Amino acid sequence: MAALVPSVPEIRYLLGRLLIRPNTRKPFILDWSLWRRRHQAAATLSHYKQYNAQLWY
């Protein structure tokens, strides 16, 4: 699950959202970030699966 580890830009974004603009609820920001990373990991896996399937035909 290395894909769920936040990248440096993601960490910068989170720090900026949580520290500079604290009027947005923290749980929302963190949940959105986790959802985004999960979605990106699923999309990456799907692309790899599709690419590997094309190689075998």
Protein backbone atom coordinates (compact mmCIF):
# COMPACT_ATOMS: atom_id res chain seq x y z
CA MET A 1 0.00 0.00 0.00
CA ALA A 2 2.83 2.38 -0.77
CA ALA A 3 0.42 4.26 -3.04
CA LEU A 4 -1.46 5.49 0.02
CA VAL A 5 1.61 7.25 1.43
CA PRO A 6 1.17 10.95 0.70
CA SER A 7 3.62 12.55 -1.69
CA VAL A 8 5.57 15.72 -0.88
CA PRO A 9 3.14 17.93 -2.85
CA GLU A 10 0.21 16.26 -1.04
CA ILE A 11 1.83 16.95 2.35
CA ARG A 12 2.45 20.57 1.38
CA TYR A 13 -1.15 20.91 0.28
CA LEU A 14 -2.45 19.41 3.51
CA LEU A 15 -0.25 21.64 5.66
CA GLY A 16 -1.37 24.67 3.70
CA ARG A 17 -5.04 23.75 4.04
CA LEU A 18 -4.80 22.87 7.72
CA LEU A 19 -2.56 25.69 8.90
CA ILE A 20 -3.16 28.63 6.57
CA ARG A 21 -6.89 28.23 5.97
CA PRO A 22 -8.20 26.56 9.12
CA ASN A 23 -11.83 27.58 8.54
CA THR A 24 -12.45 24.31 6.64
CA ARG A 25 -13.09 21.30 8.84
CA LYS A 26 -9.97 19.18 9.36
CA PRO A 27 -11.72 15.79 9.10
CA PHE A 28 -13.12 16.77 5.70
CA ILE A 29 -9.68 17.74 4.38
CA LEU A 30 -8.03 14.56 5.66
CA ASP A 31 -10.86 12.32 4.43
CA TRP A 32 -10.74 13.94 1.01
CA SER A 33 -6.98 13.41 0.84
CA LEU A 34 -7.31 9.73 1.76
CA TRP A 35 -10.11 9.25 -0.79
CA ARG A 36 -7.99 10.91 -3.47
CA ARG A 37 -4.97 8.70 -2.78
CA ARG A 38 -7.14 5.57 -2.76
CA HIS A 39 -8.75 6.59 -6.05
CA GLN A 40 -5.35 7.26 -7.64
CA ALA A 41 -4.03 3.89 -6.43
CA ALA A 42 -7.07 2.08 -7.85
CA ALA A 43 -6.73 3.91 -11.16
CA THR A 44 -3.02 3.09 -11.36
CA LEU A 45 -3.71 -0.58 -10.68
CA SER A 46 -6.46 -0.62 -13.28
CA HIS A 47 -4.16 0.92 -15.89
CA TYR A 48 -1.45 -1.64 -15.14
CA LYS A 49 -3.95 -4.49 -15.41
CA GLN A 50 -5.27 -3.16 -18.72
CA TYR A 51 -1.75 -2.72 -20.08
CA ASN A 52 -0.74 -6.25 -19.07
CA ALA A 53 -3.91 -7.69 -20.61
CA GLN A 54 -3.09 -5.98 -23.91
CA LEU A 55 0.41 -7.44 -23.93
CA TRP A 56 -0.90 -11.01 -23.86
CA TYR A 57 -3.28 -10.68 -26.82
